[in-house]
Amino acid sequence: MASRYVVTGAAGFIGSHLTERLLARGDRVLAIDNFDPFYDPAEKRANLAAAAEREGFRLAEVDCSRLDALRAALADGTFDAIVHLAAKAGVRPSIASPTAYVEANVLGTQAILEIARERGIGRVVFGSSSSVYGNNREVPFSEDAPVERPISPYAATKRSAELLCLTHQHLHGGAVCALRYFTVYGPRQRPDLAIRSFAERLLDGMPITVFGDGSSERDYTWIDDIVDGTVAALDRTAGPDHWFEIINLGGSRTTSLARLIDLIAEATGRSPDIRRVPDQPGDVRRTHADIGKADRLLAYRPTVHVEEGIPRMVDWLLRRRAERA
């Protein structure tokens, strides 16, 4: 029997891929998105074009921080679980507009949890972020590491939302899982993120701006691996047990910024013209996921490393450009 899911942030990068995966296996999806103009809403609508052709898809244009609007969107259906991915993203923009991030990421999460309580939806998967670890010196980052020192409003809102999920599950039961995503990339990645931005600029013959000396490191994770882990977490919530877990989803390998640029240059066939600027407040020095817990609980094993993923990403950009030419 098909399951019925609510996916918030469904028009975004991760949300649109997850929505397609769920529909492809026969589930029904109520996709919720407010098409925030952080980047072109037309691109977000295009993200959902394939899903919109599938049976079982419905779209509600709703801001998750508006509880009454959420109630109306869910009023005429029953749902098995909620995957809450809607958020204002980006470390640097959160420093400029912290109040907007609190409203979207904290109030929006609490509104979703309130809807879950009201509608008796006991299964919730929340999309958190590796940003909560801050500049933790112990690597790889494990879920039981201290996370009381976020270094950006974005990270602080994601940690706050995790705590709201924990409190919700403590009070109301059910199965609630917070997934800490590590630097996700692949087709439909946001245009402001480094891999896509660098590749686009190299293809256009433009210089790239690099923060710092290139020694910072990230745990880059291919989108299909992230969707695999998210679906596994969602399916695990279907059991009879009541529980709360925080689980890392990452590639469990680090790649320096300098190495990343080399890989993008190789894939695009362009030599980068690098303009260096100082490190930015809020940026962490390194991320590296300990995925032992994800392996144990979700049988999560990422398969696409950056040496394979970066050429795939560039191929997608080239196809996208050809389609628009």
C-alpha atoms as a PDB file:
ATOM      1  CA  MET A   1       0.000   0.000   0.000  1.00  0.00           C
ATOM      2  CA  ALA A   2       1.326   3.437  -0.927  1.00  0.00           C
ATOM      3  CA  SER A   3       2.417   5.684   1.910  1.00  0.00           C
ATOM      4  CA  ARG A   4       1.442   9.336   2.093  1.00  0.00           C
ATOM      5  CA  TYR A   5       4.192  11.787   2.940  1.00  0.00           C
ATOM      6  CA  VAL A   6       4.510  15.516   3.470  1.00  0.00           C
ATOM      7  CA  VAL A   7       7.813  16.867   2.152  1.00  0.00           C
ATOM      8  CA  THR A   8       8.560  20.485   3.029  1.00  0.00           C
ATOM      9  CA  GLY A   9      11.089  22.422   0.974  1.00  0.00           C
ATOM     10  CA  ALA A  10      10.128  20.042  -1.819  1.00  0.00           C
ATOM     11  CA  ALA A  11      11.111  22.419  -4.624  1.00  0.00           C
ATOM     12  CA  GLY A  12      14.638  22.784  -3.316  1.00  0.00           C
ATOM     13  CA  PHE A  13      17.754  20.815  -4.154  1.00  0.00           C
ATOM     14  CA  ILE A  14      17.412  17.884  -1.752  1.00  0.00           C
ATOM     15  CA  GLY A  15      13.628  18.092  -1.485  1.00  0.00           C
ATOM     16  CA  SER A  16      12.982  17.730  -5.213  1.00  0.00           C
ATOM     17  CA  HIS A  17      15.233  14.676  -5.504  1.00  0.00           C
ATOM     18  CA  LEU A  18      13.603  13.084  -2.459  1.00  0.00           C
ATOM     19  CA  THR A  19      10.130  13.796  -3.823  1.00  0.00           C
ATOM     20  CA  GLU A  20      10.971  12.115  -7.118  1.00  0.00           C
ATOM     21  CA  ARG A  21      12.393   9.077  -5.317  1.00  0.00           C
ATOM     22  CA  LEU A  22       9.287   8.630  -3.176  1.00  0.00           C
ATOM     23  CA  LEU A  23       6.936   9.008  -6.140  1.00  0.00           C
ATOM     24  CA  ALA A  24       9.003   6.561  -8.200  1.00  0.00           C
ATOM     25  CA  ARG A  25       8.480   3.837  -5.617  1.00  0.00           C
ATOM     26  CA  GLY A  26       4.726   4.427  -5.564  1.00  0.00           C
ATOM     27  CA  ASP A  27       4.311   6.722  -2.565  1.00  0.00           C
ATOM     28  CA  ARG A  28       2.130   9.836  -2.563  1.00  0.00           C
ATOM     29  CA  VAL A  29       3.655  13.224  -1.729  1.00  0.00           C
ATOM     30  CA  LEU A  30       2.198  16.512  -0.597  1.00  0.00           C
ATOM     31  CA  ALA A  31       5.003  18.882  -1.580  1.00  0.00           C
ATOM     32  CA  ILE A  32       5.175  22.090   0.434  1.00  0.00           C
ATOM     33  CA  ASP A  33       7.307  25.056  -0.621  1.00  0.00           C
ATOM     34  CA  ASN A  34       7.023  28.840  -0.404  1.00  0.00           C
ATOM     35  CA  PHE A  35       9.389  29.458  -3.360  1.00  0.00           C
ATOM     36  CA  ASP A  36      11.520  31.838  -1.327  1.00  0.00           C
ATOM     37  CA  PRO A  37      13.358  34.225  -3.702  1.00  0.00           C
ATOM     38  CA  PHE A  38      16.786  33.475  -2.175  1.00  0.00           C
ATOM     39  CA  TYR A  39      17.431  32.220  -5.700  1.00  0.00           C
ATOM     40  CA  ASP A  40      15.236  32.235  -8.798  1.00  0.00           C
ATOM     41  CA  PRO A  41      11.843  30.654  -7.976  1.00  0.00           C
ATOM     42  CA  ALA A  42      11.574  29.627 -11.630  1.00  0.00           C
ATOM     43  CA  GLU A  43      14.500  27.276 -11.086  1.00  0.00           C
ATOM     44  CA  LYS A  44      12.742  25.754  -8.095  1.00  0.00           C
ATOM     45  CA  ARG A  45       9.579  25.229 -10.127  1.00  0.00           C
ATOM     46  CA  ALA A  46      11.674  23.514 -12.780  1.00  0.00           C
ATOM     47  CA  ASN A  47      13.049  21.224 -10.064  1.00  0.00           C
ATOM     48  CA  LEU A  48       9.523  19.884  -9.572  1.00  0.00           C
ATOM     49  CA  ALA A  49       8.613  19.545 -13.250  1.00  0.00           C
ATOM     50  CA  ALA A  50       9.218  15.790 -13.405  1.00  0.00           C
ATOM     51  CA  ALA A  51       7.480  15.152 -10.080  1.00  0.00           C
ATOM     52  CA  ALA A  52       4.457  17.167 -11.169  1.00  0.00           C
ATOM     53  CA  GLU A  53       3.879  14.665 -13.988  1.00  0.00           C
ATOM     54  CA  ARG A  54       3.621  11.746 -11.579  1.00  0.00           C
ATOM     55  CA  GLU A  55       0.467  10.341 -10.079  1.00  0.00           C
ATOM     56  CA  GLY A  56       0.313  10.961  -6.363  1.00  0.00           C
ATOM     57  CA  PHE A  57       1.923  14.420  -6.425  1.00  0.00           C
ATOM     58  CA  ARG A  58       0.281  17.523  -5.012  1.00  0.00           C
ATOM     59  CA  LEU A  59       1.862  20.942  -4.421  1.00  0.00           C
ATOM     60  CA  ALA A  60       0.892  23.455  -1.748  1.00  0.00           C
ATOM     61  CA  GLU A  61       2.604  26.853  -1.831  1.00  0.00           C
ATOM     62  CA  VAL A  62       2.906  27.489   1.894  1.00  0.00           C
ATOM     63  CA  ASP A  63       5.361  29.191   4.241  1.00  0.00           C
ATOM     64  CA  CYS A  64       6.091  26.647   6.974  1.00  0.00           C
ATOM     65  CA  SER A  65       6.210  29.326   9.661  1.00  0.00           C
ATOM     66  CA  ARG A  66       2.503  30.073   9.007  1.00  0.00           C
ATOM     67  CA  LEU A  67       0.647  27.530  11.115  1.00  0.00           C
ATOM     68  CA  ASP A  68      -2.827  28.333   9.816  1.00  0.00           C
ATOM     69  CA  ALA A  69      -1.659  27.940   6.211  1.00  0.00           C
ATOM     70  CA  LEU A  70      -0.122  24.571   7.057  1.00  0.00           C
ATOM     71  CA  ARG A  71      -3.364  23.442   8.661  1.00  0.00           C
ATOM     72  CA  ALA A  72      -5.250  24.350   5.512  1.00  0.00           C
ATOM     73  CA  ALA A  73      -2.762  22.561   3.256  1.00  0.00           C
ATOM     74  CA  LEU A  74      -3.083  19.302   5.211  1.00  0.00           C
ATOM     75  CA  ALA A  75      -6.795  19.590   5.947  1.00  0.00           C
ATOM     76  CA  ASP A  76      -8.087  17.194   3.312  1.00  0.00           C
ATOM     77  CA  GLY A  77      -5.687  14.290   3.684  1.00  0.00           C
ATOM     78  CA  THR A  78      -4.157  11.733   6.011  1.00  0.00           C
ATOM     79  CA  PHE A  79      -0.398  11.381   6.167  1.00  0.00           C
ATOM     80  CA  ASP A  80       2.020   8.770   7.432  1.00  0.00           C
ATOM     81  CA  ALA A  81       5.068  10.965   7.975  1.00  0.00           C
ATOM     82  CA  ILE A  82       6.614  14.393   7.468  1.00  0.00           C
ATOM     83  CA  VAL A  83      10.061  15.059   6.037  1.00  0.00           C
ATOM     84  CA  HIS A  84      10.888  18.624   7.023  1.00  0.00           C
ATOM     85  CA  LEU A  85      13.559  20.075   4.724  1.00  0.00           C
ATOM     86  CA  ALA A  86      12.226  23.632   4.342  1.00  0.00           C
ATOM     87  CA  ALA A  87      14.688  26.213   5.653  1.00  0.00           C
ATOM     88  CA  LYS A  88      16.517  29.383   4.839  1.00  0.00           C
ATOM     89  CA  ALA A  89      19.945  28.093   3.885  1.00  0.00           C
ATOM     90  CA  GLY A  90      23.404  29.619   3.858  1.00  0.00           C
ATOM     91  CA  VAL A  91      25.899  30.492   6.557  1.00  0.00           C
ATOM     92  CA  ARG A  92      26.988  33.921   5.312  1.00  0.00           C
ATOM     93  CA  PRO A  93      23.480  35.253   4.512  1.00  0.00           C
ATOM     94  CA  SER A  94      22.345  34.238   7.989  1.00  0.00           C
ATOM     95  CA  ILE A  95      24.816  36.681   9.515  1.00  0.00           C
ATOM     96  CA  ALA A  96      23.206  39.505   7.546  1.00  0.00           C
ATOM     97  CA  SER A  97      19.598  38.483   8.300  1.00  0.00           C
ATOM     98  CA  PRO A  98      19.517  36.427  11.505  1.00  0.00           C
ATOM     99  CA  THR A  99      15.908  37.252  12.371  1.00  0.00           C
ATOM    100  CA  ALA A 100      14.673  35.883   9.047  1.00  0.00           C
ATOM    101  CA  TYR A 101      16.586  32.658   9.694  1.00  0.00           C
ATOM    102  CA  VAL A 102      15.075  32.268  13.141  1.00  0.00           C
ATOM    103  CA  GLU A 103      11.591  32.774  11.727  1.00  0.00           C
ATOM    104  CA  ALA A 104      12.033  30.266   8.890  1.00  0.00           C
ATOM    105  CA  ASN A 105      14.166  27.640  10.585  1.00  0.00           C
ATOM    106  CA  VAL A 106      13.059  27.731  14.215  1.00  0.00           C
ATOM    107  CA  LEU A 107       9.458  28.907  14.036  1.00  0.00           C
ATOM    108  CA  GLY A 108       8.949  26.920  10.834  1.00  0.00           C
ATOM    109  CA  THR A 109      10.157  23.730  12.512  1.00  0.00           C
ATOM    110  CA  GLN A 110       7.974  24.290  15.561  1.00  0.00           C
ATOM    111  CA  ALA A 111       4.947  24.850  13.319  1.00  0.00           C
ATOM    112  CA  ILE A 112       5.614  21.568  11.515  1.00  0.00           C
ATOM    113  CA  LEU A 113       5.925  19.757  14.847  1.00  0.00           C
ATOM    114  CA  GLU A 114       2.676  21.319  16.012  1.00  0.00           C
ATOM    115  CA  ILE A 115       0.959  20.078  12.853  1.00  0.00           C
ATOM    116  CA  ALA A 116       2.387  16.607  13.508  1.00  0.00           C
ATOM    117  CA  ARG A 117       0.958  16.684  17.032  1.00  0.00           C
ATOM    118  CA  GLU A 118      -2.447  17.968  15.941  1.00  0.00           C
ATOM    119  CA  ARG A 119      -2.802  15.473  13.095  1.00  0.00           C
ATOM    120  CA  GLY A 120      -1.370  12.499  14.994  1.00  0.00           C
ATOM    121  CA  ILE A 121       1.555  12.125  12.598  1.00  0.00           C
ATOM    122  CA  GLY A 122       4.074  10.225  14.707  1.00  0.00           C
ATOM    123  CA  ARG A 123       6.893  10.002  12.165  1.00  0.00           C
ATOM    124  CA  VAL A 124       9.093  13.040  11.470  1.00  0.00           C
ATOM    125  CA  VAL A 125      12.438  13.290   9.667  1.00  0.00           C
ATOM    126  CA  PHE A 126      14.191  16.653   9.990  1.00  0.00           C
ATOM    127  CA  GLY A 127      16.958  17.920   7.716  1.00  0.00           C
ATOM    128  CA  SER A 128      19.664  19.380   9.934  1.00  0.00           C
ATOM    129  CA  SER A 129      23.218  20.371   9.035  1.00  0.00           C
ATOM    130  CA  SER A 130      26.860  19.617   9.758  1.00  0.00           C
ATOM    131  CA  SER A 131      27.141  23.341  10.560  1.00  0.00           C
ATOM    132  CA  VAL A 132      25.982  22.572  14.092  1.00  0.00           C
ATOM    133  CA  TYR A 133      29.428  21.125  14.866  1.00  0.00           C
ATOM    134  CA  GLY A 134      31.128  24.504  14.453  1.00  0.00           C
ATOM    135  CA  ASN A 135      34.914  24.335  14.597  1.00  0.00           C
ATOM    136  CA  ASN A 136      34.943  21.115  16.582  1.00  0.00           C
ATOM    137  CA  ARG A 137      38.511  19.893  16.913  1.00  0.00           C
ATOM    138  CA  GLU A 138      37.617  16.204  17.213  1.00  0.00           C
ATOM    139  CA  VAL A 139      37.294  14.668  13.756  1.00  0.00           C
ATOM    140  CA  PRO A 140      35.507  12.893  12.305  1.00  0.00           C
ATOM    141  CA  PHE A 141      32.427  14.527  13.844  1.00  0.00           C
ATOM    142  CA  SER A 142      30.313  12.049  15.796  1.00  0.00           C
ATOM    143  CA  GLU A 143      26.733  12.629  16.868  1.00  0.00           C
ATOM    144  CA  ASP A 144      27.643  12.648  20.561  1.00  0.00           C
ATOM    145  CA  ALA A 145      30.227  15.439  20.113  1.00  0.00           C
ATOM    146  CA  PRO A 146      29.483  18.707  21.944  1.00  0.00           C
ATOM    147  CA  VAL A 147      27.600  21.184  19.724  1.00  0.00           C
ATOM    148  CA  GLU A 148      27.022  24.079  22.107  1.00  0.00           C
ATOM    149  CA  ARG A 149      29.215  26.523  20.146  1.00  0.00           C
ATOM    150  CA  PRO A 150      27.680  27.201  16.702  1.00  0.00           C
ATOM    151  CA  ILE A 151      29.506  29.973  14.861  1.00  0.00           C
ATOM    152  CA  SER A 152      26.721  31.307  12.627  1.00  0.00           C
ATOM    153  CA  PRO A 153      23.030  32.093  13.064  1.00  0.00           C
ATOM    154  CA  TYR A 154      22.258  29.413  10.486  1.00  0.00           C
ATOM    155  CA  ALA A 155      24.018  26.775  12.573  1.00  0.00           C
ATOM    156  CA  ALA A 156      22.336  28.030  15.730  1.00  0.00           C
ATOM    157  CA  THR A 157      18.896  27.769  14.130  1.00  0.00           C
ATOM    158  CA  LYS A 158      19.553  24.218  12.982  1.00  0.00           C
ATOM    159  CA  ARG A 159      20.688  23.193  16.462  1.00  0.00           C
ATOM    160  CA  SER A 160      17.646  24.922  17.957  1.00  0.00           C
ATOM    161  CA  ALA A 161      15.401  22.993  15.591  1.00  0.00           C
ATOM    162  CA  GLU A 162      17.053  19.720  16.607  1.00  0.00           C
ATOM    163  CA  LEU A 163      16.257  20.488  20.228  1.00  0.00           C
ATOM    164  CA  LEU A 164      12.647  21.279  19.344  1.00  0.00           C
ATOM    165  CA  CYS A 165      12.431  17.874  17.639  1.00  0.00           C
ATOM    166  CA  LEU A 166      13.886  16.200  20.716  1.00  0.00           C
ATOM    167  CA  THR A 167      11.433  17.969  23.007  1.00  0.00           C
ATOM    168  CA  HIS A 168       8.504  17.148  20.729  1.00  0.00           C
ATOM    169  CA  GLN A 169       9.356  13.459  20.729  1.00  0.00           C
ATOM    170  CA  HIS A 170       9.854  13.437  24.516  1.00  0.00           C
ATOM    171  CA  LEU A 171       6.420  14.962  25.076  1.00  0.00           C
ATOM    172  CA  HIS A 172       4.394  13.316  22.325  1.00  0.00           C
ATOM    173  CA  GLY A 173       6.218  10.120  21.397  1.00  0.00           C
ATOM    174  CA  GLY A 174       6.579   8.787  17.897  1.00  0.00           C
ATOM    175  CA  ALA A 175       9.756   8.284  15.895  1.00  0.00           C
ATOM    176  CA  VAL A 176      11.718  11.440  15.129  1.00  0.00           C
ATOM    177  CA  CYS A 177      15.050  11.549  13.325  1.00  0.00           C
ATOM    178  CA  ALA A 178      17.306  14.561  12.724  1.00  0.00           C
ATOM    179  CA  LEU A 179      19.727  14.058   9.847  1.00  0.00           C
ATOM    180  CA  ARG A 180      22.889  16.154   9.804  1.00  0.00           C
ATOM    181  CA  TYR A 181      23.700  16.637   6.127  1.00  0.00           C
ATOM    182  CA  PHE A 182      27.310  17.263   5.113  1.00  0.00           C
ATOM    183  CA  THR A 183      27.859  19.613   2.103  1.00  0.00           C
ATOM    184  CA  VAL A 184      25.502  18.071  -0.418  1.00  0.00           C
ATOM    185  CA  TYR A 185      26.166  18.559  -4.139  1.00  0.00           C
ATOM    186  CA  GLY A 186      24.882  17.311  -7.467  1.00  0.00           C
ATOM    187  CA  PRO A 187      22.283  18.285 -10.085  1.00  0.00           C
ATOM    188  CA  ARG A 188      19.992  21.133  -8.922  1.00  0.00           C
ATOM    189  CA  GLN A 189      22.463  22.332  -6.298  1.00  0.00           C
ATOM    190  CA  ARG A 190      21.807  25.918  -5.267  1.00  0.00           C
ATOM    191  CA  PRO A 191      23.566  28.380  -7.585  1.00  0.00           C
ATOM    192  CA  ASP A 192      25.334  30.159  -4.716  1.00  0.00           C
ATOM    193  CA  LEU A 193      27.166  27.067  -3.433  1.00  0.00           C
ATOM    194  CA  ALA A 194      30.840  26.626  -4.201  1.00  0.00           C
ATOM    195  CA  ILE A 195      30.864  23.675  -6.585  1.00  0.00           C
ATOM    196  CA  ARG A 196      28.162  24.994  -8.864  1.00  0.00           C
ATOM    197  CA  SER A 197      29.298  28.601  -8.608  1.00  0.00           C
ATOM    198  CA  PHE A 198      32.925  27.765  -9.404  1.00  0.00           C
ATOM    199  CA  ALA A 199      31.979  25.480 -12.293  1.00  0.00           C
ATOM    200  CA  GLU A 200      29.600  28.031 -13.802  1.00  0.00           C
ATOM    201  CA  ARG A 201      32.191  30.776 -13.620  1.00  0.00           C
ATOM    202  CA  LEU A 202      34.928  28.623 -15.101  1.00  0.00           C
ATOM    203  CA  LEU A 203      32.634  27.637 -17.980  1.00  0.00           C
ATOM    204  CA  ASP A 204      31.941  31.345 -18.534  1.00  0.00           C
ATOM    205  CA  GLY A 205      35.638  32.229 -18.467  1.00  0.00           C
ATOM    206  CA  MET A 206      35.231  34.331 -15.334  1.00  0.00           C
ATOM    207  CA  PRO A 207      37.461  34.538 -12.249  1.00  0.00           C
ATOM    208  CA  ILE A 208      36.460  32.755  -9.061  1.00  0.00           C
ATOM    209  CA  THR A 209      36.567  34.238  -5.586  1.00  0.00           C
ATOM    210  CA  VAL A 210      38.150  31.969  -2.989  1.00  0.00           C
ATOM    211  CA  PHE A 211      37.837  32.634   0.715  1.00  0.00           C
ATOM    212  CA  GLY A 212      41.087  31.886   2.511  1.00  0.00           C
ATOM    213  CA  ASP A 213      44.166  30.025   1.310  1.00  0.00           C
ATOM    214  CA  GLY A 214      42.386  26.919   0.013  1.00  0.00           C
ATOM    215  CA  SER A 215      43.295  24.694   2.946  1.00  0.00           C
ATOM    216  CA  SER A 216      39.786  24.497   4.438  1.00  0.00           C
ATOM    217  CA  GLU A 217      38.222  21.053   4.055  1.00  0.00           C
ATOM    218  CA  ARG A 218      34.700  19.779   3.525  1.00  0.00           C
ATOM    219  CA  ASP A 219      33.020  16.392   3.519  1.00  0.00           C
ATOM    220  CA  TYR A 220      31.260  16.599   0.131  1.00  0.00           C
ATOM    221  CA  THR A 221      28.282  14.254  -0.274  1.00  0.00           C
ATOM    222  CA  TRP A 222      26.615  13.294  -3.558  1.00  0.00           C
ATOM    223  CA  ILE A 223      22.868  13.931  -3.717  1.00  0.00           C
ATOM    224  CA  ASP A 224      21.872  10.309  -4.427  1.00  0.00           C
ATOM    225  CA  ASP A 225      23.741   9.150  -1.327  1.00  0.00           C
ATOM    226  CA  ILE A 226      21.894  11.756   0.735  1.00  0.00           C
ATOM    227  CA  VAL A 227      18.536  10.669  -0.673  1.00  0.00           C
ATOM    228  CA  ASP A 228      19.393   7.025   0.048  1.00  0.00           C
ATOM    229  CA  GLY A 229      20.067   7.884   3.676  1.00  0.00           C
ATOM    230  CA  THR A 230      16.989  10.064   4.010  1.00  0.00           C
ATOM    231  CA  VAL A 231      14.686   7.396   2.597  1.00  0.00           C
ATOM    232  CA  ALA A 232      16.283   4.802   4.900  1.00  0.00           C
ATOM    233  CA  ALA A 233      15.657   7.071   7.895  1.00  0.00           C
ATOM    234  CA  LEU A 234      12.069   7.647   6.805  1.00  0.00           C
ATOM    235  CA  ASP A 235      11.457   3.920   6.430  1.00  0.00           C
ATOM    236  CA  ARG A 236      12.998   3.216   9.820  1.00  0.00           C
ATOM    237  CA  THR A 237      10.466   5.513  11.481  1.00  0.00           C
ATOM    238  CA  ALA A 238       7.712   3.137  10.309  1.00  0.00           C
ATOM    239  CA  GLY A 239       8.462   0.625  13.058  1.00  0.00           C
ATOM    240  CA  PRO A 240       6.470   0.375  16.274  1.00  0.00           C
ATOM    241  CA  ASP A 241       9.165   1.846  18.513  1.00  0.00           C
ATOM    242  CA  HIS A 242       9.159   5.393  19.860  1.00  0.00           C
ATOM    243  CA  TRP A 243      12.582   6.999  19.540  1.00  0.00           C
ATOM    244  CA  PHE A 244      14.641  10.069  18.729  1.00  0.00           C
ATOM    245  CA  GLU A 245      17.975   9.944  16.927  1.00  0.00           C
ATOM    246  CA  ILE A 246      20.468  12.349  15.408  1.00  0.00           C
ATOM    247  CA  ILE A 247      22.346  10.777  12.508  1.00  0.00           C
ATOM    248  CA  ASN A 248      25.144  12.089  10.287  1.00  0.00           C
ATOM    249  CA  LEU A 249      24.817  11.681   6.533  1.00  0.00           C
ATOM    250  CA  GLY A 250      28.079  12.477   4.795  1.00  0.00           C
ATOM    251  CA  GLY A 251      30.672  11.082   2.468  1.00  0.00           C
ATOM    252  CA  SER A 252      33.108  10.474   5.352  1.00  0.00           C
ATOM    253  CA  ARG A 253      36.017  11.855   3.302  1.00  0.00           C
ATOM    254  CA  THR A 254      37.489  15.335   3.392  1.00  0.00           C
ATOM    255  CA  THR A 255      38.538  17.351   0.359  1.00  0.00           C
ATOM    256  CA  SER A 256      40.444  20.622   0.566  1.00  0.00           C
ATOM    257  CA  LEU A 257      39.131  23.682  -1.228  1.00  0.00           C
ATOM    258  CA  ALA A 258      42.287  23.745  -3.342  1.00  0.00           C
ATOM    259  CA  ARG A 259      41.765  20.127  -4.401  1.00  0.00           C
ATOM    260  CA  LEU A 260      38.095  20.820  -5.145  1.00  0.00           C
ATOM    261  CA  ILE A 261      39.049  23.666  -7.486  1.00  0.00           C
ATOM    262  CA  ASP A 262      41.542  21.396  -9.252  1.00  0.00           C
ATOM    263  CA  LEU A 263      38.835  18.782  -9.792  1.00  0.00           C
ATOM    264  CA  ILE A 264      36.393  21.360 -11.163  1.00  0.00           C
ATOM    265  CA  ALA A 265      39.070  22.806 -13.443  1.00  0.00           C
ATOM    266  CA  GLU A 266      39.859  19.334 -14.778  1.00  0.00           C
ATOM    267  CA  ALA A 267      36.179  18.547 -15.366  1.00  0.00           C
ATOM    268  CA  THR A 268      35.494  21.843 -17.141  1.00  0.00           C
ATOM    269  CA  GLY A 269      38.756  21.896 -19.052  1.00  0.00           C
ATOM    270  CA  ARG A 270      39.365  25.467 -17.892  1.00  0.00           C
ATOM    271  CA  SER A 271      42.246  26.998 -15.968  1.00  0.00           C
ATOM    272  CA  PRO A 272      40.946  28.925 -12.942  1.00  0.00           C
ATOM    273  CA  ASP A 273      41.681  32.615 -12.437  1.00  0.00           C
ATOM    274  CA  ILE A 274      41.583  32.744  -8.631  1.00  0.00           C
ATOM    275  CA  ARG A 275      40.917  35.941  -6.670  1.00  0.00           C
ATOM    276  CA  ARG A 276      41.684  35.361  -2.992  1.00  0.00           C
ATOM    277  CA  VAL A 277      39.879  37.149  -0.169  1.00  0.00           C
ATOM    278  CA  PRO A 278      40.017  36.658   3.622  1.00  0.00           C
ATOM    279  CA  ASP A 279      38.134  33.881   5.378  1.00  0.00           C
ATOM    280  CA  GLN A 280      34.550  34.797   6.175  1.00  0.00           C
ATOM    281  CA  PRO A 281      32.958  34.867   9.635  1.00  0.00           C
ATOM    282  CA  GLY A 282      30.803  31.808  10.200  1.00  0.00           C
ATOM    283  CA  ASP A 283      32.761  29.490   7.893  1.00  0.00           C
ATOM    284  CA  VAL A 284      34.172  26.394   9.600  1.00  0.00           C
ATOM    285  CA  ARG A 285      37.651  25.100   8.889  1.00  0.00           C
ATOM    286  CA  ARG A 286      36.734  21.465   8.359  1.00  0.00           C
ATOM    287  CA  THR A 287      33.785  19.090   8.239  1.00  0.00           C
ATOM    288  CA  HIS A 288      34.143  15.324   8.379  1.00  0.00           C
ATOM    289  CA  ALA A 289      31.301  12.918   9.146  1.00  0.00           C
ATOM    290  CA  ASP A 290      31.570   9.870  11.329  1.00  0.00           C
ATOM    291  CA  ILE A 291      28.951   7.711   9.584  1.00  0.00           C
ATOM    292  CA  GLY A 292      29.241   4.663  11.824  1.00  0.00           C
ATOM    293  CA  LYS A 293      25.831   5.324  13.360  1.00  0.00           C
ATOM    294  CA  ALA A 294      24.241   5.793   9.929  1.00  0.00           C
ATOM    295  CA  ASP A 295      25.749   2.478   8.852  1.00  0.00           C
ATOM    296  CA  ARG A 296      24.434   0.658  11.938  1.00  0.00           C
ATOM    297  CA  LEU A 297      20.927   2.127  11.946  1.00  0.00           C
ATOM    298  CA  LEU A 298      20.277   2.819   8.264  1.00  0.00           C
ATOM    299  CA  ALA A 299      22.742   0.577   6.397  1.00  0.00           C
ATOM    300  CA  TYR A 300      24.004   3.857   4.906  1.00  0.00           C
ATOM    301  CA  ARG A 301      27.099   3.493   2.736  1.00  0.00           C
ATOM    302  CA  PRO A 302      27.901   6.395   0.374  1.00  0.00           C
ATOM    303  CA  THR A 303      29.256   5.315  -2.983  1.00  0.00           C
ATOM    304  CA  VAL A 304      30.076   8.469  -4.994  1.00  0.00           C
ATOM    305  CA  HIS A 305      33.334  10.250  -4.199  1.00  0.00           C
ATOM    306  CA  VAL A 306      34.203  13.726  -5.459  1.00  0.00           C
ATOM    307  CA  GLU A 307      36.505  12.353  -8.160  1.00  0.00           C
ATOM    308  CA  GLU A 308      33.401  10.834  -9.747  1.00  0.00           C
ATOM    309  CA  GLY A 309      30.817  13.343  -8.557  1.00  0.00           C
ATOM    310  CA  ILE A 310      32.459  16.525  -9.834  1.00  0.00           C
ATOM    311  CA  PRO A 311      32.518  15.372 -13.489  1.00  0.00           C
ATOM    312  CA  ARG A 312      28.877  14.285 -13.116  1.00  0.00           C
ATOM    313  CA  MET A 313      28.009  17.710 -11.775  1.00  0.00           C
ATOM    314  CA  VAL A 314      29.766  19.474 -14.654  1.00  0.00           C
ATOM    315  CA  ASP A 315      28.028  17.181 -17.164  1.00  0.00           C
ATOM    316  CA  TRP A 316      24.678  18.230 -15.708  1.00  0.00           C
ATOM    317  CA  LEU A 317      25.586  21.903 -16.006  1.00  0.00           C
ATOM    318  CA  LEU A 318      26.637  21.427 -19.632  1.00  0.00           C
ATOM    319  CA  ARG A 319      23.403  19.595 -20.467  1.00  0.00           C
ATOM    320  CA  ARG A 320      21.404  22.319 -18.730  1.00  0.00           C
ATOM    321  CA  ARG A 321      23.156  24.991 -20.762  1.00  0.00           C
ATOM    322  CA  ALA A 322      22.583  23.119 -24.003  1.00  0.00           C
ATOM    323  CA  GLU A 323      18.866  22.780 -23.239  1.00  0.00           C
ATOM    324  CA  ARG A 324      18.628  26.527 -22.659  1.00  0.00           C
ATOM    325  CA  ALA A 325      20.670  27.563 -25.668  1.00  0.00           C
END
